[in-house]
Amino acid sequence: MAGFAFVLALGAVAVAAPWLAPHDPTRQSLRDRLTPPTRKAADGRARLLGTDHLGRDVFSRVIYGARVSLVVGLAAVSVGGALGTALGIAAGYRGGLADSVIMTLADAQLAFPFILLAIGIIAVLGPSFPTLIVVIGLSGWVTYARILRSQVLVLRAREFVDAIHALGGSVPRVIVRHILPNVLSSLVVVATLELARAIVLEATLSFLGLGVQPPTPSWGGMIHEGREYLDSAWWISTFPGLVLMLASLVVSRTGDWLRDLLDPTLRGE
């Protein structure tokens, strides 16, 4: 429950970033460069988490970085979830050739290094928010497809599905009215866990220069920018790294909490 509250708080911080950030996250001031945490800069104002090598306020950039991570993460989860849900239901309900083709594609993607796929797509389309969302979304559809396929296979064999078809119910009606409601809880849990993965992937790609481009604040980009100053200005990389670790851990734990809450077999444990 505490993890869920943290996720809500993180979302609130992302939405309210323009009001919470004390400074413009992209404003440069070489007079204030490498100001240590809590110290006053040249303008006489304290910098809670210090400044980076260009004099930008680290605290403000961390706050705006939360917005970037959540926007990209939620959008990527939506893309991957929609694609994976559609393919998973198609594979489980139709079976046969459709099942074989979809699962073969899933196995092929799992065998292919994600970073090479990301580099290839970004090299063709160029680094941008939409490209980053598509790349991360495409990397996550397999999880949805595999889990939903296994559940749909079980549901399809139930007697109530045969009864609905015998009464003239169409396949789309069965899927929308009876299959989707029964797999919704699993879908919510998977989406939450995938959000944590998407946040880390966004930071990874930004760290490698393939994601969010400067001067837009990104936790991964901030870690990359500060790695040359670890000896003299450790705070540039440390604070965004700590926030990234905490966010991914708490979102993952929230997914576990939702799984325990929504799975009736685990409620009594």
C-alpha atoms as a PDB file:
ATOM      1  CA  MET A   1       0.000   0.000   0.000  1.00  0.00           C
ATOM      2  CA  ALA A   2       2.869   2.366   0.767  1.00  0.00           C
ATOM      3  CA  GLY A   3       4.308   1.618  -2.664  1.00  0.00           C
ATOM      4  CA  PHE A   4       1.017   2.563  -4.312  1.00  0.00           C
ATOM      5  CA  ALA A   5       1.023   5.846  -2.393  1.00  0.00           C
ATOM      6  CA  PHE A   6       4.572   6.514  -3.590  1.00  0.00           C
ATOM      7  CA  VAL A   7       3.543   5.896  -7.196  1.00  0.00           C
ATOM      8  CA  LEU A   8       0.689   8.376  -6.805  1.00  0.00           C
ATOM      9  CA  ALA A   9       3.085  10.878  -5.250  1.00  0.00           C
ATOM     10  CA  LEU A  10       5.525  10.393  -8.123  1.00  0.00           C
ATOM     11  CA  GLY A  11       2.712  11.043 -10.572  1.00  0.00           C
ATOM     12  CA  ALA A  12       1.726  14.176  -8.672  1.00  0.00           C
ATOM     13  CA  VAL A  13       5.328  15.420  -8.764  1.00  0.00           C
ATOM     14  CA  ALA A  14       5.481  14.824 -12.514  1.00  0.00           C
ATOM     15  CA  VAL A  15       2.245  16.736 -13.113  1.00  0.00           C
ATOM     16  CA  ALA A  16       3.175  19.600 -10.781  1.00  0.00           C
ATOM     17  CA  ALA A  17       6.801  19.864 -11.933  1.00  0.00           C
ATOM     18  CA  PRO A  18       6.470  23.470 -13.213  1.00  0.00           C
ATOM     19  CA  TRP A  19       5.266  24.576  -9.777  1.00  0.00           C
ATOM     20  CA  LEU A  20       7.519  22.368  -7.637  1.00  0.00           C
ATOM     21  CA  ALA A  21      10.815  23.000  -9.400  1.00  0.00           C
ATOM     22  CA  PRO A  22      12.504  26.069  -7.873  1.00  0.00           C
ATOM     23  CA  HIS A  23      14.545  26.796 -11.019  1.00  0.00           C
ATOM     24  CA  ASP A  24      14.346  26.421 -14.778  1.00  0.00           C
ATOM     25  CA  PRO A  25      15.822  22.932 -15.395  1.00  0.00           C
ATOM     26  CA  THR A  26      17.478  23.998 -18.663  1.00  0.00           C
ATOM     27  CA  ARG A  27      18.840  27.381 -17.545  1.00  0.00           C
ATOM     28  CA  GLN A  28      22.635  27.447 -17.657  1.00  0.00           C
ATOM     29  CA  SER A  29      24.882  29.571 -15.456  1.00  0.00           C
ATOM     30  CA  LEU A  30      28.600  28.937 -15.610  1.00  0.00           C
ATOM     31  CA  ARG A  31      29.066  31.056 -12.485  1.00  0.00           C
ATOM     32  CA  ASP A  32      27.064  28.450 -10.562  1.00  0.00           C
ATOM     33  CA  ARG A  33      28.602  25.310 -12.084  1.00  0.00           C
ATOM     34  CA  LEU A  34      29.383  22.411  -9.745  1.00  0.00           C
ATOM     35  CA  THR A  35      27.842  24.073  -6.695  1.00  0.00           C
ATOM     36  CA  PRO A  36      27.674  21.406  -3.920  1.00  0.00           C
ATOM     37  CA  PRO A  37      24.318  20.402  -2.395  1.00  0.00           C
ATOM     38  CA  THR A  38      22.718  22.901   0.040  1.00  0.00           C
ATOM     39  CA  ARG A  39      25.326  25.538  -0.828  1.00  0.00           C
ATOM     40  CA  LYS A  40      24.382  28.975  -2.108  1.00  0.00           C
ATOM     41  CA  ALA A  41      25.078  29.739  -5.740  1.00  0.00           C
ATOM     42  CA  ALA A  42      26.308  33.037  -7.168  1.00  0.00           C
ATOM     43  CA  ASP A  43      22.771  34.435  -7.157  1.00  0.00           C
ATOM     44  CA  GLY A  44      22.577  33.914  -3.381  1.00  0.00           C
ATOM     45  CA  ARG A  45      19.964  31.143  -3.576  1.00  0.00           C
ATOM     46  CA  ALA A  46      20.687  27.714  -2.119  1.00  0.00           C
ATOM     47  CA  ARG A  47      20.782  24.680  -4.406  1.00  0.00           C
ATOM     48  CA  LEU A  48      19.245  21.747  -2.531  1.00  0.00           C
ATOM     49  CA  LEU A  49      20.951  19.055  -4.632  1.00  0.00           C
ATOM     50  CA  GLY A  50      23.663  21.245  -6.107  1.00  0.00           C
ATOM     51  CA  THR A  51      24.250  22.153  -9.750  1.00  0.00           C
ATOM     52  CA  ASP A  52      25.764  20.299 -12.689  1.00  0.00           C
ATOM     53  CA  HIS A  53      28.706  21.170 -14.940  1.00  0.00           C
ATOM     54  CA  LEU A  54      26.610  23.785 -16.753  1.00  0.00           C
ATOM     55  CA  GLY A  55      25.219  25.381 -13.605  1.00  0.00           C
ATOM     56  CA  ARG A  56      21.756  23.827 -13.965  1.00  0.00           C
ATOM     57  CA  ASP A  57      19.851  23.027 -10.782  1.00  0.00           C
ATOM     58  CA  VAL A  58      19.974  19.261 -10.148  1.00  0.00           C
ATOM     59  CA  PHE A  59      16.857  19.221  -7.954  1.00  0.00           C
ATOM     60  CA  SER A  60      14.758  20.893 -10.645  1.00  0.00           C
ATOM     61  CA  ARG A  61      16.112  18.524 -13.287  1.00  0.00           C
ATOM     62  CA  VAL A  62      15.330  15.481 -11.140  1.00  0.00           C
ATOM     63  CA  ILE A  63      11.732  16.691 -10.757  1.00  0.00           C
ATOM     64  CA  TYR A  64      11.320  17.253 -14.486  1.00  0.00           C
ATOM     65  CA  GLY A  65      13.027  13.920 -15.112  1.00  0.00           C
ATOM     66  CA  ALA A  66      10.153  12.238 -13.270  1.00  0.00           C
ATOM     67  CA  ARG A  67       7.759  13.718 -15.822  1.00  0.00           C
ATOM     68  CA  VAL A  68       9.824  12.386 -18.727  1.00  0.00           C
ATOM     69  CA  SER A  69      10.127   8.908 -17.213  1.00  0.00           C
ATOM     70  CA  LEU A  70       6.422   8.599 -16.417  1.00  0.00           C
ATOM     71  CA  VAL A  71       5.202   9.992 -19.740  1.00  0.00           C
ATOM     72  CA  VAL A  72       7.474   7.713 -21.752  1.00  0.00           C
ATOM     73  CA  GLY A  73       6.817   4.759 -19.435  1.00  0.00           C
ATOM     74  CA  LEU A  74       3.031   5.059 -19.451  1.00  0.00           C
ATOM     75  CA  ALA A  75       2.885   5.630 -23.199  1.00  0.00           C
ATOM     76  CA  ALA A  76       5.196   2.675 -23.870  1.00  0.00           C
ATOM     77  CA  VAL A  77       3.160   0.441 -21.556  1.00  0.00           C
ATOM     78  CA  SER A  78       0.017   1.470 -23.444  1.00  0.00           C
ATOM     79  CA  VAL A  79       1.603   0.610 -26.803  1.00  0.00           C
ATOM     80  CA  GLY A  80       3.039  -2.696 -25.629  1.00  0.00           C
ATOM     81  CA  GLY A  81      -0.104  -3.579 -23.690  1.00  0.00           C
ATOM     82  CA  ALA A  82      -2.455  -2.931 -26.598  1.00  0.00           C
ATOM     83  CA  LEU A  83      -0.309  -4.907 -29.039  1.00  0.00           C
ATOM     84  CA  GLY A  84       0.438  -7.748 -26.633  1.00  0.00           C
ATOM     85  CA  THR A  85      -3.173  -8.059 -25.480  1.00  0.00           C
ATOM     86  CA  ALA A  86      -4.492  -8.248 -29.035  1.00  0.00           C
ATOM     87  CA  LEU A  87      -1.900 -10.806 -30.123  1.00  0.00           C
ATOM     88  CA  GLY A  88      -2.172 -12.848 -26.916  1.00  0.00           C
ATOM     89  CA  ILE A  89      -5.947 -13.136 -27.193  1.00  0.00           C
ATOM     90  CA  ALA A  90      -5.694 -13.963 -30.898  1.00  0.00           C
ATOM     91  CA  ALA A  91      -3.122 -16.682 -30.216  1.00  0.00           C
ATOM     92  CA  GLY A  92      -5.055 -18.198 -27.326  1.00  0.00           C
ATOM     93  CA  TYR A  93      -8.535 -18.002 -28.830  1.00  0.00           C
ATOM     94  CA  ARG A  94      -7.825 -18.823 -32.455  1.00  0.00           C
ATOM     95  CA  GLY A  95      -5.016 -21.308 -31.925  1.00  0.00           C
ATOM     96  CA  GLY A  96      -3.616 -23.131 -34.934  1.00  0.00           C
ATOM     97  CA  LEU A  97      -1.556 -21.122 -37.396  1.00  0.00           C
ATOM     98  CA  ALA A  98      -2.196 -17.797 -35.652  1.00  0.00           C
ATOM     99  CA  ASP A  99      -0.907 -19.213 -32.369  1.00  0.00           C
ATOM    100  CA  SER A 100       2.193 -20.679 -34.020  1.00  0.00           C
ATOM    101  CA  VAL A 101       3.078 -17.486 -35.890  1.00  0.00           C
ATOM    102  CA  ILE A 102       2.573 -15.172 -32.906  1.00  0.00           C
ATOM    103  CA  MET A 103       4.501 -17.347 -30.482  1.00  0.00           C
ATOM    104  CA  THR A 104       7.306 -17.786 -33.018  1.00  0.00           C
ATOM    105  CA  LEU A 105       7.554 -14.004 -33.312  1.00  0.00           C
ATOM    106  CA  ALA A 106       7.625 -13.747 -29.518  1.00  0.00           C
ATOM    107  CA  ASP A 107      10.409 -16.321 -29.235  1.00  0.00           C
ATOM    108  CA  ALA A 108      12.379 -14.602 -31.996  1.00  0.00           C
ATOM    109  CA  GLN A 109      12.173 -11.242 -30.237  1.00  0.00           C
ATOM    110  CA  LEU A 110      13.248 -12.755 -26.923  1.00  0.00           C
ATOM    111  CA  ALA A 111      16.267 -14.279 -28.651  1.00  0.00           C
ATOM    112  CA  PHE A 112      17.223 -10.954 -30.261  1.00  0.00           C
ATOM    113  CA  PRO A 113      19.137  -8.436 -28.093  1.00  0.00           C
ATOM    114  CA  PHE A 114      16.844  -5.522 -27.328  1.00  0.00           C
ATOM    115  CA  ILE A 115      19.595  -2.923 -27.522  1.00  0.00           C
ATOM    116  CA  LEU A 116      20.358  -3.890 -31.138  1.00  0.00           C
ATOM    117  CA  LEU A 117      16.678  -3.556 -32.015  1.00  0.00           C
ATOM    118  CA  ALA A 118      16.590  -0.143 -30.346  1.00  0.00           C
ATOM    119  CA  ILE A 119      19.723   1.061 -32.143  1.00  0.00           C
ATOM    120  CA  GLY A 120      18.339  -0.096 -35.496  1.00  0.00           C
ATOM    121  CA  ILE A 121      14.962   1.599 -35.087  1.00  0.00           C
ATOM    122  CA  ILE A 122      16.407   4.829 -33.685  1.00  0.00           C
ATOM    123  CA  ALA A 123      19.051   4.937 -36.448  1.00  0.00           C
ATOM    124  CA  VAL A 124      16.276   4.817 -39.053  1.00  0.00           C
ATOM    125  CA  LEU A 125      13.714   7.087 -37.374  1.00  0.00           C
ATOM    126  CA  GLY A 126      16.030   9.328 -35.359  1.00  0.00           C
ATOM    127  CA  PRO A 127      15.942   9.931 -31.581  1.00  0.00           C
ATOM    128  CA  SER A 128      12.656  11.464 -30.425  1.00  0.00           C
ATOM    129  CA  PHE A 129       9.896  10.957 -27.878  1.00  0.00           C
ATOM    130  CA  PRO A 130       7.606   9.009 -30.275  1.00  0.00           C
ATOM    131  CA  THR A 131      10.477   6.780 -31.397  1.00  0.00           C
ATOM    132  CA  LEU A 132      11.495   6.074 -27.808  1.00  0.00           C
ATOM    133  CA  ILE A 133       7.913   5.174 -26.897  1.00  0.00           C
ATOM    134  CA  VAL A 134       7.559   2.834 -29.880  1.00  0.00           C
ATOM    135  CA  VAL A 135      10.876   1.104 -29.180  1.00  0.00           C
ATOM    136  CA  ILE A 136      10.130   0.491 -25.501  1.00  0.00           C
ATOM    137  CA  GLY A 137       6.540  -0.494 -26.295  1.00  0.00           C
ATOM    138  CA  LEU A 138       7.660  -3.046 -28.884  1.00  0.00           C
ATOM    139  CA  SER A 139      10.086  -4.523 -26.375  1.00  0.00           C
ATOM    140  CA  GLY A 140       7.285  -5.305 -23.905  1.00  0.00           C
ATOM    141  CA  TRP A 141       4.429  -6.827 -25.920  1.00  0.00           C
ATOM    142  CA  VAL A 142       5.786 -10.365 -25.527  1.00  0.00           C
ATOM    143  CA  THR A 143       5.075 -10.465 -21.776  1.00  0.00           C
ATOM    144  CA  TYR A 144       1.430  -9.508 -22.283  1.00  0.00           C
ATOM    145  CA  ALA A 145       1.011 -11.934 -25.175  1.00  0.00           C
ATOM    146  CA  ARG A 146       2.424 -14.947 -23.341  1.00  0.00           C
ATOM    147  CA  ILE A 147       0.462 -14.412 -20.126  1.00  0.00           C
ATOM    148  CA  LEU A 148      -2.851 -13.626 -21.820  1.00  0.00           C
ATOM    149  CA  ARG A 149      -2.470 -16.503 -24.266  1.00  0.00           C
ATOM    150  CA  SER A 150      -2.173 -19.003 -21.423  1.00  0.00           C
ATOM    151  CA  GLN A 151      -5.214 -17.561 -19.649  1.00  0.00           C
ATOM    152  CA  VAL A 152      -7.327 -17.391 -22.802  1.00  0.00           C
ATOM    153  CA  LEU A 153      -6.514 -21.035 -23.567  1.00  0.00           C
ATOM    154  CA  VAL A 154      -8.039 -21.974 -20.208  1.00  0.00           C
ATOM    155  CA  LEU A 155     -11.071 -19.718 -20.634  1.00  0.00           C
ATOM    156  CA  ARG A 156     -11.748 -20.899 -24.172  1.00  0.00           C
ATOM    157  CA  ALA A 157     -12.112 -24.471 -22.915  1.00  0.00           C
ATOM    158  CA  ARG A 158     -14.793 -23.490 -20.382  1.00  0.00           C
ATOM    159  CA  GLU A 159     -18.349 -24.647 -20.959  1.00  0.00           C
ATOM    160  CA  PHE A 160     -19.823 -21.157 -20.801  1.00  0.00           C
ATOM    161  CA  VAL A 161     -17.898 -20.174 -23.960  1.00  0.00           C
ATOM    162  CA  ASP A 162     -19.366 -23.118 -25.872  1.00  0.00           C
ATOM    163  CA  ALA A 163     -22.811 -22.232 -24.543  1.00  0.00           C
ATOM    164  CA  ILE A 164     -22.501 -18.630 -25.728  1.00  0.00           C
ATOM    165  CA  HIS A 165     -21.462 -19.766 -29.197  1.00  0.00           C
ATOM    166  CA  ALA A 166     -24.345 -22.260 -29.276  1.00  0.00           C
ATOM    167  CA  LEU A 167     -26.737 -19.390 -28.550  1.00  0.00           C
ATOM    168  CA  GLY A 168     -25.365 -17.427 -31.491  1.00  0.00           C
ATOM    169  CA  GLY A 169     -22.811 -15.262 -29.717  1.00  0.00           C
ATOM    170  CA  SER A 170     -20.098 -13.930 -32.023  1.00  0.00           C
ATOM    171  CA  VAL A 171     -16.376 -14.208 -31.352  1.00  0.00           C
ATOM    172  CA  PRO A 172     -15.915 -10.434 -30.778  1.00  0.00           C
ATOM    173  CA  ARG A 173     -18.804 -10.479 -28.307  1.00  0.00           C
ATOM    174  CA  VAL A 174     -17.314 -13.391 -26.384  1.00  0.00           C
ATOM    175  CA  ILE A 175     -13.915 -11.716 -26.241  1.00  0.00           C
ATOM    176  CA  VAL A 176     -15.187  -8.285 -25.185  1.00  0.00           C
ATOM    177  CA  ARG A 177     -17.934  -9.388 -22.789  1.00  0.00           C
ATOM    178  CA  HIS A 178     -16.450 -12.528 -21.262  1.00  0.00           C
ATOM    179  CA  ILE A 179     -12.731 -12.984 -22.004  1.00  0.00           C
ATOM    180  CA  LEU A 180     -11.378  -9.489 -21.335  1.00  0.00           C
ATOM    181  CA  PRO A 181     -13.127  -9.037 -17.950  1.00  0.00           C
ATOM    182  CA  ASN A 182     -11.615 -12.327 -16.765  1.00  0.00           C
ATOM    183  CA  VAL A 183      -8.059 -11.370 -17.703  1.00  0.00           C
ATOM    184  CA  LEU A 184      -8.265  -7.720 -16.645  1.00  0.00           C
ATOM    185  CA  SER A 185      -6.691  -8.269 -13.220  1.00  0.00           C
ATOM    186  CA  SER A 186      -3.681 -10.003 -14.777  1.00  0.00           C
ATOM    187  CA  LEU A 187      -3.424  -7.220 -17.333  1.00  0.00           C
ATOM    188  CA  VAL A 188      -3.279  -4.575 -14.596  1.00  0.00           C
ATOM    189  CA  VAL A 189      -0.528  -6.433 -12.729  1.00  0.00           C
ATOM    190  CA  VAL A 190       1.563  -6.976 -15.859  1.00  0.00           C
ATOM    191  CA  ALA A 191       1.158  -3.327 -16.864  1.00  0.00           C
ATOM    192  CA  THR A 192       2.409  -2.170 -13.463  1.00  0.00           C
ATOM    193  CA  LEU A 193       5.466  -4.407 -13.617  1.00  0.00           C
ATOM    194  CA  GLU A 194       6.107  -3.339 -17.204  1.00  0.00           C
ATOM    195  CA  LEU A 195       5.983   0.310 -16.134  1.00  0.00           C
ATOM    196  CA  ALA A 196       8.979  -0.279 -13.863  1.00  0.00           C
ATOM    197  CA  ARG A 197      10.830  -1.951 -16.724  1.00  0.00           C
ATOM    198  CA  ALA A 198       9.921   0.871 -19.119  1.00  0.00           C
ATOM    199  CA  ILE A 199      11.252   3.507 -16.713  1.00  0.00           C
ATOM    200  CA  VAL A 200      14.585   1.687 -16.471  1.00  0.00           C
ATOM    201  CA  LEU A 201      14.756   1.153 -20.245  1.00  0.00           C
ATOM    202  CA  GLU A 202      14.102   4.840 -20.898  1.00  0.00           C
ATOM    203  CA  ALA A 203      16.911   5.751 -18.526  1.00  0.00           C
ATOM    204  CA  THR A 204      19.207   3.182 -20.149  1.00  0.00           C
ATOM    205  CA  LEU A 205      18.594   4.463 -23.668  1.00  0.00           C
ATOM    206  CA  SER A 206      18.976   8.075 -22.544  1.00  0.00           C
ATOM    207  CA  PHE A 207      22.246   7.159 -20.812  1.00  0.00           C
ATOM    208  CA  LEU A 208      23.493   5.706 -24.109  1.00  0.00           C
ATOM    209  CA  GLY A 209      22.413   8.808 -26.026  1.00  0.00           C
ATOM    210  CA  LEU A 210      19.581   6.996 -27.825  1.00  0.00           C
ATOM    211  CA  GLY A 211      16.685   8.337 -25.783  1.00  0.00           C
ATOM    212  CA  VAL A 212      15.638  11.779 -24.601  1.00  0.00           C
ATOM    213  CA  GLN A 213      18.016  14.345 -26.056  1.00  0.00           C
ATOM    214  CA  PRO A 214      19.592  17.267 -24.161  1.00  0.00           C
ATOM    215  CA  PRO A 215      18.722  19.740 -22.804  1.00  0.00           C
ATOM    216  CA  THR A 216      15.490  17.928 -21.835  1.00  0.00           C
ATOM    217  CA  PRO A 217      16.046  16.492 -18.325  1.00  0.00           C
ATOM    218  CA  SER A 218      16.133  12.714 -18.089  1.00  0.00           C
ATOM    219  CA  TRP A 219      17.373  10.596 -15.206  1.00  0.00           C
ATOM    220  CA  GLY A 220      19.467   8.458 -17.537  1.00  0.00           C
ATOM    221  CA  GLY A 221      20.839  11.492 -19.331  1.00  0.00           C
ATOM    222  CA  MET A 222      21.761  13.141 -16.030  1.00  0.00           C
ATOM    223  CA  ILE A 223      23.638  10.028 -14.920  1.00  0.00           C
ATOM    224  CA  HIS A 224      25.513  10.054 -18.227  1.00  0.00           C
ATOM    225  CA  GLU A 225      26.402  13.743 -17.935  1.00  0.00           C
ATOM    226  CA  GLY A 226      27.703  13.338 -14.396  1.00  0.00           C
ATOM    227  CA  ARG A 227      29.887  10.279 -14.905  1.00  0.00           C
ATOM    228  CA  GLU A 228      32.885  12.454 -15.821  1.00  0.00           C
ATOM    229  CA  TYR A 229      32.547  14.326 -12.525  1.00  0.00           C
ATOM    230  CA  LEU A 230      32.115  11.445 -10.080  1.00  0.00           C
ATOM    231  CA  ASP A 231      35.286  12.401  -8.205  1.00  0.00           C
ATOM    232  CA  SER A 232      34.644  16.133  -7.942  1.00  0.00           C
ATOM    233  CA  ALA A 233      30.842  16.454  -8.266  1.00  0.00           C
ATOM    234  CA  TRP A 234      29.311  13.121  -7.265  1.00  0.00           C
ATOM    235  CA  TRP A 235      25.841  14.610  -6.797  1.00  0.00           C
ATOM    236  CA  ILE A 236      25.223  15.102 -10.537  1.00  0.00           C
ATOM    237  CA  SER A 237      24.869  11.347 -11.123  1.00  0.00           C
ATOM    238  CA  THR A 238      24.112  10.120  -7.612  1.00  0.00           C
ATOM    239  CA  PHE A 239      20.782  11.828  -6.979  1.00  0.00           C
ATOM    240  CA  PRO A 240      19.085  10.929 -10.283  1.00  0.00           C
ATOM    241  CA  GLY A 241      20.488   7.410  -9.904  1.00  0.00           C
ATOM    242  CA  LEU A 242      18.998   7.051  -6.427  1.00  0.00           C
ATOM    243  CA  VAL A 243      15.617   8.362  -7.577  1.00  0.00           C
ATOM    244  CA  LEU A 244      15.647   6.002 -10.570  1.00  0.00           C
ATOM    245  CA  MET A 245      16.469   3.029  -8.352  1.00  0.00           C
ATOM    246  CA  LEU A 246      13.789   3.959  -5.817  1.00  0.00           C
ATOM    247  CA  ALA A 247      11.127   4.572  -8.475  1.00  0.00           C
ATOM    248  CA  SER A 248      11.731   1.287 -10.295  1.00  0.00           C
ATOM    249  CA  LEU A 249      11.859  -0.683  -7.036  1.00  0.00           C
ATOM    250  CA  VAL A 250       8.667   0.824  -5.627  1.00  0.00           C
ATOM    251  CA  VAL A 251       6.719   0.462  -8.881  1.00  0.00           C
ATOM    252  CA  SER A 252       7.782  -3.198  -9.044  1.00  0.00           C
ATOM    253  CA  ARG A 253       6.689  -3.755  -5.451  1.00  0.00           C
ATOM    254  CA  THR A 254       3.376  -2.098  -6.261  1.00  0.00           C
ATOM    255  CA  GLY A 255       2.917  -4.644  -9.038  1.00  0.00           C
ATOM    256  CA  ASP A 256       3.539  -7.453  -6.551  1.00  0.00           C
ATOM    257  CA  TRP A 257       1.040  -5.878  -4.147  1.00  0.00           C
ATOM    258  CA  LEU A 258      -1.601  -5.642  -6.865  1.00  0.00           C
ATOM    259  CA  ARG A 259      -0.975  -9.262  -7.823  1.00  0.00           C
ATOM    260  CA  ASP A 260      -1.525 -10.401  -4.246  1.00  0.00           C
ATOM    261  CA  LEU A 261      -4.594  -8.185  -3.951  1.00  0.00           C
ATOM    262  CA  LEU A 262      -6.252  -9.276  -7.196  1.00  0.00           C
ATOM    263  CA  ASP A 263      -5.331 -12.974  -7.108  1.00  0.00           C
ATOM    264  CA  PRO A 264      -7.902 -14.778  -4.930  1.00  0.00           C
ATOM    265  CA  THR A 265      -5.529 -17.705  -4.344  1.00  0.00           C
ATOM    266  CA  LEU A 266      -3.068 -15.373  -2.572  1.00  0.00           C
ATOM    267  CA  ARG A 267      -5.437 -13.313  -0.432  1.00  0.00           C
ATOM    268  CA  GLY A 268      -5.397 -15.706   2.481  1.00  0.00           C
ATOM    269  CA  GLU A 269      -1.610 -15.977   2.638  1.00  0.00           C
END
